[in-house]
Amino acid sequence: MITGVKHILFDLGGVLINLDYNRTEQAFVNLGIKNFGEVFSQLKQTSLFDDLETGKITAATFFDELRILSGTNLSDDQITFAWNEMLLDFPVRRLEILQQLRLHYDLVLISNTNEIHETAFNKIIKQAHGVSLASFFDRYYLSHKIGLRKPDPIVFQRILKDCGFDAKHTLFIDDNAQNVEAAQSVGIQSIFLTNNMTIENDIFKPRSVGF
């Protein structure tokens, strides 16, 4: 049971913005990387993704490594386009929920992301809704800027300390079980969004926001 919540931590991908990873795979296939699944697996086996998401390498280094592994000569713009294809939309109801929640709770964004996607999702929400994502939150933690990524419990400990939050009055919402378990390990109440669950249909019902 969720009780005594004063502060809410939101994940981004799959919670606030809709994602479709298949779109990125298909985009790379269309660009000539027919074995994208194999290339992607190779990338995951290295530290490349973690390094990109924790700001240890630049987008330029990521592009170069992808070209090497794929044996292609794709441009930075082509890679950027395909990489961002997974980012879809911010449903307006979710943004309305954030606005309503912020009247009663401290809101914090905590996302494993990278500089390429940050530019893209900020552009998506600005073009569709005329607002910035940061405007919905009191604090904004992006992995590539803080040098840490979920599910490291240190991420949550840092947020609690920075914001002066008491873990037992803090709620975390994420669609990744490992991240939820990490938050719970430091005493944060958590909700795991399983497949097909959304915050607008399963947590914050229409005209009812709060705990």
C-alpha atoms as a PDB file:
ATOM      1  CA  MET A   1       0.000   0.000   0.000  1.00  0.00           C
ATOM      2  CA  ILE A   2       1.289   3.468  -0.955  1.00  0.00           C
ATOM      3  CA  THR A   3       0.955   5.864   1.984  1.00  0.00           C
ATOM      4  CA  GLY A   4       2.303   9.187   3.220  1.00  0.00           C
ATOM      5  CA  VAL A   5       3.725  10.295  -0.121  1.00  0.00           C
ATOM      6  CA  LYS A   6       5.167  13.804  -0.306  1.00  0.00           C
ATOM      7  CA  HIS A   7       7.692  13.420  -3.116  1.00  0.00           C
ATOM      8  CA  ILE A   8       7.385  11.525  -6.433  1.00  0.00           C
ATOM      9  CA  LEU A   9      10.267  10.386  -8.643  1.00  0.00           C
ATOM     10  CA  PHE A  10       9.336   9.656 -12.268  1.00  0.00           C
ATOM     11  CA  ASP A  11      11.184   7.611 -14.845  1.00  0.00           C
ATOM     12  CA  LEU A  12      10.981   9.014 -18.379  1.00  0.00           C
ATOM     13  CA  GLY A  13      11.005   6.353 -21.107  1.00  0.00           C
ATOM     14  CA  GLY A  14       7.934   4.135 -21.056  1.00  0.00           C
ATOM     15  CA  VAL A  15       6.412   6.140 -18.204  1.00  0.00           C
ATOM     16  CA  LEU A  16       6.080   9.689 -19.548  1.00  0.00           C
ATOM     17  CA  ILE A  17       7.183   9.333 -23.180  1.00  0.00           C
ATOM     18  CA  ASN A  18       6.054   6.376 -25.272  1.00  0.00           C
ATOM     19  CA  LEU A  19       8.793   4.229 -26.785  1.00  0.00           C
ATOM     20  CA  ASP A  20       9.071   1.710 -29.617  1.00  0.00           C
ATOM     21  CA  TYR A  21      12.501   0.078 -29.809  1.00  0.00           C
ATOM     22  CA  ASN A  22      11.508  -1.774 -32.977  1.00  0.00           C
ATOM     23  CA  ARG A  23      11.391   1.531 -34.847  1.00  0.00           C
ATOM     24  CA  THR A  24      15.072   2.124 -34.154  1.00  0.00           C
ATOM     25  CA  GLU A  25      15.983  -1.395 -35.270  1.00  0.00           C
ATOM     26  CA  GLN A  26      14.010  -1.000 -38.497  1.00  0.00           C
ATOM     27  CA  ALA A  27      15.542   2.420 -39.159  1.00  0.00           C
ATOM     28  CA  PHE A  28      19.056   0.981 -38.920  1.00  0.00           C
ATOM     29  CA  VAL A  29      18.078  -1.948 -41.136  1.00  0.00           C
ATOM     30  CA  ASN A  30      16.766   0.553 -43.693  1.00  0.00           C
ATOM     31  CA  LEU A  31      20.141   2.314 -43.547  1.00  0.00           C
ATOM     32  CA  GLY A  32      21.899  -0.905 -44.488  1.00  0.00           C
ATOM     33  CA  ILE A  33      22.720  -2.497 -41.130  1.00  0.00           C
ATOM     34  CA  LYS A  34      20.858  -5.713 -41.902  1.00  0.00           C
ATOM     35  CA  ASN A  35      22.387  -7.444 -38.869  1.00  0.00           C
ATOM     36  CA  PHE A  36      21.413  -4.668 -36.468  1.00  0.00           C
ATOM     37  CA  GLY A  37      20.388  -7.165 -33.776  1.00  0.00           C
ATOM     38  CA  GLU A  38      23.898  -8.620 -33.809  1.00  0.00           C
ATOM     39  CA  VAL A  39      25.566  -5.201 -33.837  1.00  0.00           C
ATOM     40  CA  PHE A  40      23.326  -4.013 -31.022  1.00  0.00           C
ATOM     41  CA  SER A  41      24.246  -7.087 -28.969  1.00  0.00           C
ATOM     42  CA  GLN A  42      27.947  -6.365 -29.512  1.00  0.00           C
ATOM     43  CA  LEU A  43      27.442  -2.796 -28.352  1.00  0.00           C
ATOM     44  CA  LYS A  44      25.663  -3.973 -25.210  1.00  0.00           C
ATOM     45  CA  GLN A  45      28.487  -6.398 -24.430  1.00  0.00           C
ATOM     46  CA  THR A  46      30.940  -3.499 -24.305  1.00  0.00           C
ATOM     47  CA  SER A  47      30.696  -0.552 -21.931  1.00  0.00           C
ATOM     48  CA  LEU A  48      29.649   1.725 -24.783  1.00  0.00           C
ATOM     49  CA  PHE A  49      25.996   2.184 -23.788  1.00  0.00           C
ATOM     50  CA  ASP A  50      26.803   2.632 -20.122  1.00  0.00           C
ATOM     51  CA  ASP A  51      29.542   5.107 -21.002  1.00  0.00           C
ATOM     52  CA  LEU A  52      27.200   7.104 -23.254  1.00  0.00           C
ATOM     53  CA  GLU A  53      24.487   7.137 -20.605  1.00  0.00           C
ATOM     54  CA  THR A  54      26.888   8.250 -17.870  1.00  0.00           C
ATOM     55  CA  GLY A  55      28.566  10.929 -19.977  1.00  0.00           C
ATOM     56  CA  LYS A  56      31.936   9.177 -20.074  1.00  0.00           C
ATOM     57  CA  ILE A  57      31.996   9.337 -23.862  1.00  0.00           C
ATOM     58  CA  THR A  58      30.586  11.846 -26.323  1.00  0.00           C
ATOM     59  CA  ALA A  59      28.010  11.229 -29.012  1.00  0.00           C
ATOM     60  CA  ALA A  60      30.848  11.496 -31.544  1.00  0.00           C
ATOM     61  CA  THR A  61      32.652   8.541 -29.962  1.00  0.00           C
ATOM     62  CA  PHE A  62      29.412   6.553 -29.934  1.00  0.00           C
ATOM     63  CA  PHE A  63      28.881   7.274 -33.644  1.00  0.00           C
ATOM     64  CA  ASP A  64      32.439   6.195 -34.485  1.00  0.00           C
ATOM     65  CA  GLU A  65      32.115   2.933 -32.555  1.00  0.00           C
ATOM     66  CA  LEU A  66      28.804   2.124 -34.214  1.00  0.00           C
ATOM     67  CA  ARG A  67      30.332   2.698 -37.643  1.00  0.00           C
ATOM     68  CA  ILE A  68      33.223   0.383 -36.803  1.00  0.00           C
ATOM     69  CA  LEU A  69      31.029  -2.435 -35.487  1.00  0.00           C
ATOM     70  CA  SER A  70      28.531  -2.166 -38.338  1.00  0.00           C
ATOM     71  CA  GLY A  71      31.158  -1.796 -41.057  1.00  0.00           C
ATOM     72  CA  THR A  72      29.289   1.163 -42.510  1.00  0.00           C
ATOM     73  CA  ASN A  73      30.054   4.774 -43.308  1.00  0.00           C
ATOM     74  CA  LEU A  74      26.809   6.259 -42.026  1.00  0.00           C
ATOM     75  CA  SER A  75      26.793   9.965 -41.243  1.00  0.00           C
ATOM     76  CA  ASP A  76      26.257  11.315 -37.753  1.00  0.00           C
ATOM     77  CA  ASP A  77      22.868  12.631 -38.862  1.00  0.00           C
ATOM     78  CA  GLN A  78      21.783   9.238 -40.180  1.00  0.00           C
ATOM     79  CA  ILE A  79      22.751   7.518 -36.947  1.00  0.00           C
ATOM     80  CA  THR A  80      21.052  10.221 -34.883  1.00  0.00           C
ATOM     81  CA  PHE A  81      17.829   9.867 -36.864  1.00  0.00           C
ATOM     82  CA  ALA A  82      17.738   6.070 -36.471  1.00  0.00           C
ATOM     83  CA  TRP A  83      18.762   6.175 -32.811  1.00  0.00           C
ATOM     84  CA  ASN A  84      15.947   8.616 -32.020  1.00  0.00           C
ATOM     85  CA  GLU A  85      13.259   6.699 -33.901  1.00  0.00           C
ATOM     86  CA  MET A  86      12.351   4.848 -30.686  1.00  0.00           C
ATOM     87  CA  LEU A  87      11.135   8.111 -29.118  1.00  0.00           C
ATOM     88  CA  LEU A  88       7.429   8.616 -29.801  1.00  0.00           C
ATOM     89  CA  ASP A  89       5.139  11.051 -27.978  1.00  0.00           C
ATOM     90  CA  PHE A  90       4.152  12.595 -24.655  1.00  0.00           C
ATOM     91  CA  PRO A  91       0.405  11.961 -24.248  1.00  0.00           C
ATOM     92  CA  VAL A  92      -1.248  15.175 -23.106  1.00  0.00           C
ATOM     93  CA  ARG A  93      -3.042  13.433 -20.224  1.00  0.00           C
ATOM     94  CA  ARG A  94       0.325  12.518 -18.677  1.00  0.00           C
ATOM     95  CA  LEU A  95       1.440  16.129 -18.790  1.00  0.00           C
ATOM     96  CA  GLU A  96      -1.847  17.214 -17.222  1.00  0.00           C
ATOM     97  CA  ILE A  97      -1.261  14.695 -14.425  1.00  0.00           C
ATOM     98  CA  LEU A  98       2.192  16.145 -13.776  1.00  0.00           C
ATOM     99  CA  GLN A  99       0.722  19.645 -13.586  1.00  0.00           C
ATOM    100  CA  GLN A 100      -1.915  18.510 -11.098  1.00  0.00           C
ATOM    101  CA  LEU A 101       0.532  16.500  -8.993  1.00  0.00           C
ATOM    102  CA  ARG A 102       2.952  19.393  -8.728  1.00  0.00           C
ATOM    103  CA  LEU A 103       0.337  21.344  -6.790  1.00  0.00           C
ATOM    104  CA  HIS A 104       0.607  18.804  -3.966  1.00  0.00           C
ATOM    105  CA  TYR A 105       3.920  16.940  -4.318  1.00  0.00           C
ATOM    106  CA  ASP A 106       7.592  17.538  -5.066  1.00  0.00           C
ATOM    107  CA  LEU A 107       8.247  16.072  -8.523  1.00  0.00           C
ATOM    108  CA  VAL A 108      11.619  14.776  -9.695  1.00  0.00           C
ATOM    109  CA  LEU A 109      12.602  13.275 -13.050  1.00  0.00           C
ATOM    110  CA  ILE A 110      15.205  10.490 -12.991  1.00  0.00           C
ATOM    111  CA  SER A 111      16.179   8.991 -16.336  1.00  0.00           C
ATOM    112  CA  ASN A 112      18.852   6.795 -17.835  1.00  0.00           C
ATOM    113  CA  THR A 113      19.400   8.689 -21.070  1.00  0.00           C
ATOM    114  CA  ASN A 114      22.057  10.291 -23.256  1.00  0.00           C
ATOM    115  CA  GLU A 115      22.810  13.578 -24.946  1.00  0.00           C
ATOM    116  CA  ILE A 116      21.380  12.401 -28.285  1.00  0.00           C
ATOM    117  CA  HIS A 117      18.019  11.457 -26.819  1.00  0.00           C
ATOM    118  CA  GLU A 118      17.876  14.496 -24.551  1.00  0.00           C
ATOM    119  CA  THR A 119      17.984  16.821 -27.537  1.00  0.00           C
ATOM    120  CA  ALA A 120      15.330  14.749 -29.290  1.00  0.00           C
ATOM    121  CA  PHE A 121      12.785  14.393 -26.483  1.00  0.00           C
ATOM    122  CA  ASN A 122      13.046  18.076 -25.631  1.00  0.00           C
ATOM    123  CA  LYS A 123      12.297  18.871 -29.275  1.00  0.00           C
ATOM    124  CA  ILE A 124       9.346  16.444 -29.330  1.00  0.00           C
ATOM    125  CA  ILE A 125       7.607  17.949 -26.299  1.00  0.00           C
ATOM    126  CA  LYS A 126       8.338  21.521 -27.386  1.00  0.00           C
ATOM    127  CA  GLN A 127       6.931  21.019 -30.877  1.00  0.00           C
ATOM    128  CA  ALA A 128       3.857  19.072 -29.727  1.00  0.00           C
ATOM    129  CA  HIS A 129       2.938  20.989 -26.578  1.00  0.00           C
ATOM    130  CA  GLY A 130       4.953  24.211 -26.586  1.00  0.00           C
ATOM    131  CA  VAL A 131       6.573  23.479 -23.213  1.00  0.00           C
ATOM    132  CA  SER A 132       9.855  22.157 -21.842  1.00  0.00           C
ATOM    133  CA  LEU A 133       9.971  18.873 -19.952  1.00  0.00           C
ATOM    134  CA  ALA A 134      12.002  20.473 -17.170  1.00  0.00           C
ATOM    135  CA  SER A 135       9.129  22.872 -16.453  1.00  0.00           C
ATOM    136  CA  PHE A 136       7.084  20.032 -14.937  1.00  0.00           C
ATOM    137  CA  PHE A 137       9.681  19.134 -12.300  1.00  0.00           C
ATOM    138  CA  ASP A 138      11.359  20.589  -9.241  1.00  0.00           C
ATOM    139  CA  ARG A 139      14.547  18.617  -9.914  1.00  0.00           C
ATOM    140  CA  TYR A 140      15.847  16.919 -13.061  1.00  0.00           C
ATOM    141  CA  TYR A 141      18.358  14.039 -12.939  1.00  0.00           C
ATOM    142  CA  LEU A 142      19.655  12.686 -16.263  1.00  0.00           C
ATOM    143  CA  SER A 143      22.232   9.900 -16.074  1.00  0.00           C
ATOM    144  CA  HIS A 144      24.605  11.374 -18.634  1.00  0.00           C
ATOM    145  CA  LYS A 145      24.754  14.606 -16.646  1.00  0.00           C
ATOM    146  CA  ILE A 146      25.153  13.177 -13.142  1.00  0.00           C
ATOM    147  CA  GLY A 147      27.524  10.359 -14.158  1.00  0.00           C
ATOM    148  CA  LEU A 148      25.332   7.696 -12.548  1.00  0.00           C
ATOM    149  CA  ARG A 149      22.608   5.414 -13.862  1.00  0.00           C
ATOM    150  CA  LYS A 150      19.889   3.224 -12.455  1.00  0.00           C
ATOM    151  CA  PRO A 151      19.756   0.597 -10.983  1.00  0.00           C
ATOM    152  CA  ASP A 152      22.705   1.770  -8.891  1.00  0.00           C
ATOM    153  CA  PRO A 153      21.212   2.520  -5.446  1.00  0.00           C
ATOM    154  CA  ILE A 154      23.654   5.435  -5.160  1.00  0.00           C
ATOM    155  CA  VAL A 155      21.461   7.310  -7.647  1.00  0.00           C
ATOM    156  CA  PHE A 156      18.516   7.206  -5.268  1.00  0.00           C
ATOM    157  CA  GLN A 157      20.640   7.956  -2.217  1.00  0.00           C
ATOM    158  CA  ARG A 158      22.002  11.030  -3.969  1.00  0.00           C
ATOM    159  CA  ILE A 159      18.536  12.295  -4.861  1.00  0.00           C
ATOM    160  CA  LEU A 160      17.239  11.808  -1.333  1.00  0.00           C
ATOM    161  CA  LYS A 161      20.236  13.713   0.050  1.00  0.00           C
ATOM    162  CA  ASP A 162      20.195  16.496  -2.576  1.00  0.00           C
ATOM    163  CA  CYS A 163      16.477  17.102  -2.199  1.00  0.00           C
ATOM    164  CA  GLY A 164      16.225  16.526   1.532  1.00  0.00           C
ATOM    165  CA  PHE A 165      13.585  13.841   1.037  1.00  0.00           C
ATOM    166  CA  ASP A 166      12.702  11.156   3.568  1.00  0.00           C
ATOM    167  CA  ALA A 167      12.668   7.796   1.744  1.00  0.00           C
ATOM    168  CA  LYS A 168       9.482   6.628   3.459  1.00  0.00           C
ATOM    169  CA  HIS A 169       7.621   9.666   2.097  1.00  0.00           C
ATOM    170  CA  THR A 170       9.041   9.228  -1.417  1.00  0.00           C
ATOM    171  CA  LEU A 171       7.472   7.315  -4.311  1.00  0.00           C
ATOM    172  CA  PHE A 172       9.295   6.088  -7.419  1.00  0.00           C
ATOM    173  CA  ILE A 173       7.532   5.046 -10.651  1.00  0.00           C
ATOM    174  CA  ASP A 174       9.433   3.059 -13.304  1.00  0.00           C
ATOM    175  CA  ASP A 175       8.817   0.384 -15.936  1.00  0.00           C
ATOM    176  CA  ASN A 176      12.029  -1.528 -15.137  1.00  0.00           C
ATOM    177  CA  ALA A 177      11.925  -4.078 -12.321  1.00  0.00           C
ATOM    178  CA  GLN A 178      15.629  -3.730 -11.474  1.00  0.00           C
ATOM    179  CA  ASN A 179      15.277   0.008 -11.035  1.00  0.00           C
ATOM    180  CA  VAL A 180      12.253  -0.444  -8.793  1.00  0.00           C
ATOM    181  CA  GLU A 181      14.113  -2.985  -6.656  1.00  0.00           C
ATOM    182  CA  ALA A 182      17.054  -0.578  -6.296  1.00  0.00           C
ATOM    183  CA  ALA A 183      14.754   2.198  -5.088  1.00  0.00           C
ATOM    184  CA  GLN A 184      13.074  -0.134  -2.641  1.00  0.00           C
ATOM    185  CA  SER A 185      16.487  -1.204  -1.301  1.00  0.00           C
ATOM    186  CA  VAL A 186      16.987   2.318   0.080  1.00  0.00           C
ATOM    187  CA  GLY A 187      13.480   2.500   1.530  1.00  0.00           C
ATOM    188  CA  ILE A 188      11.652   4.312  -1.286  1.00  0.00           C
ATOM    189  CA  GLN A 189       8.070   3.270  -1.970  1.00  0.00           C
ATOM    190  CA  SER A 190       7.790   2.144  -5.590  1.00  0.00           C
ATOM    191  CA  ILE A 191       5.381   1.252  -8.358  1.00  0.00           C
ATOM    192  CA  PHE A 192       6.470  -1.054 -11.172  1.00  0.00           C
ATOM    193  CA  LEU A 193       4.670  -0.310 -14.425  1.00  0.00           C
ATOM    194  CA  THR A 194       4.350  -3.670 -16.139  1.00  0.00           C
ATOM    195  CA  ASN A 195       3.531  -4.129 -19.812  1.00  0.00           C
ATOM    196  CA  ASN A 196       0.455  -2.214 -20.967  1.00  0.00           C
ATOM    197  CA  MET A 197       0.216  -0.241 -17.712  1.00  0.00           C
ATOM    198  CA  THR A 198       0.170   3.557 -17.872  1.00  0.00           C
ATOM    199  CA  ILE A 199       0.146   6.215 -15.197  1.00  0.00           C
ATOM    200  CA  GLU A 200      -3.076   7.701 -16.593  1.00  0.00           C
ATOM    201  CA  ASN A 201      -5.029   4.438 -16.653  1.00  0.00           C
ATOM    202  CA  ASP A 202      -3.554   2.449 -13.778  1.00  0.00           C
ATOM    203  CA  ILE A 203      -2.182   4.867 -11.168  1.00  0.00           C
ATOM    204  CA  PHE A 204      -3.783   8.276 -11.532  1.00  0.00           C
ATOM    205  CA  LYS A 205      -7.345   7.744 -12.675  1.00  0.00           C
ATOM    206  CA  PRO A 206      -9.146  10.531 -14.551  1.00  0.00           C
ATOM    207  CA  ARG A 207     -10.081  13.373 -12.177  1.00  0.00           C
ATOM    208  CA  SER A 208      -8.313  11.620  -9.310  1.00  0.00           C
ATOM    209  CA  VAL A 209      -4.689  12.534  -8.657  1.00  0.00           C
ATOM    210  CA  GLY A 210      -3.016  11.655  -5.386  1.00  0.00           C
ATOM    211  CA  PHE A 211      -2.489   9.026  -2.729  1.00  0.00           C
END
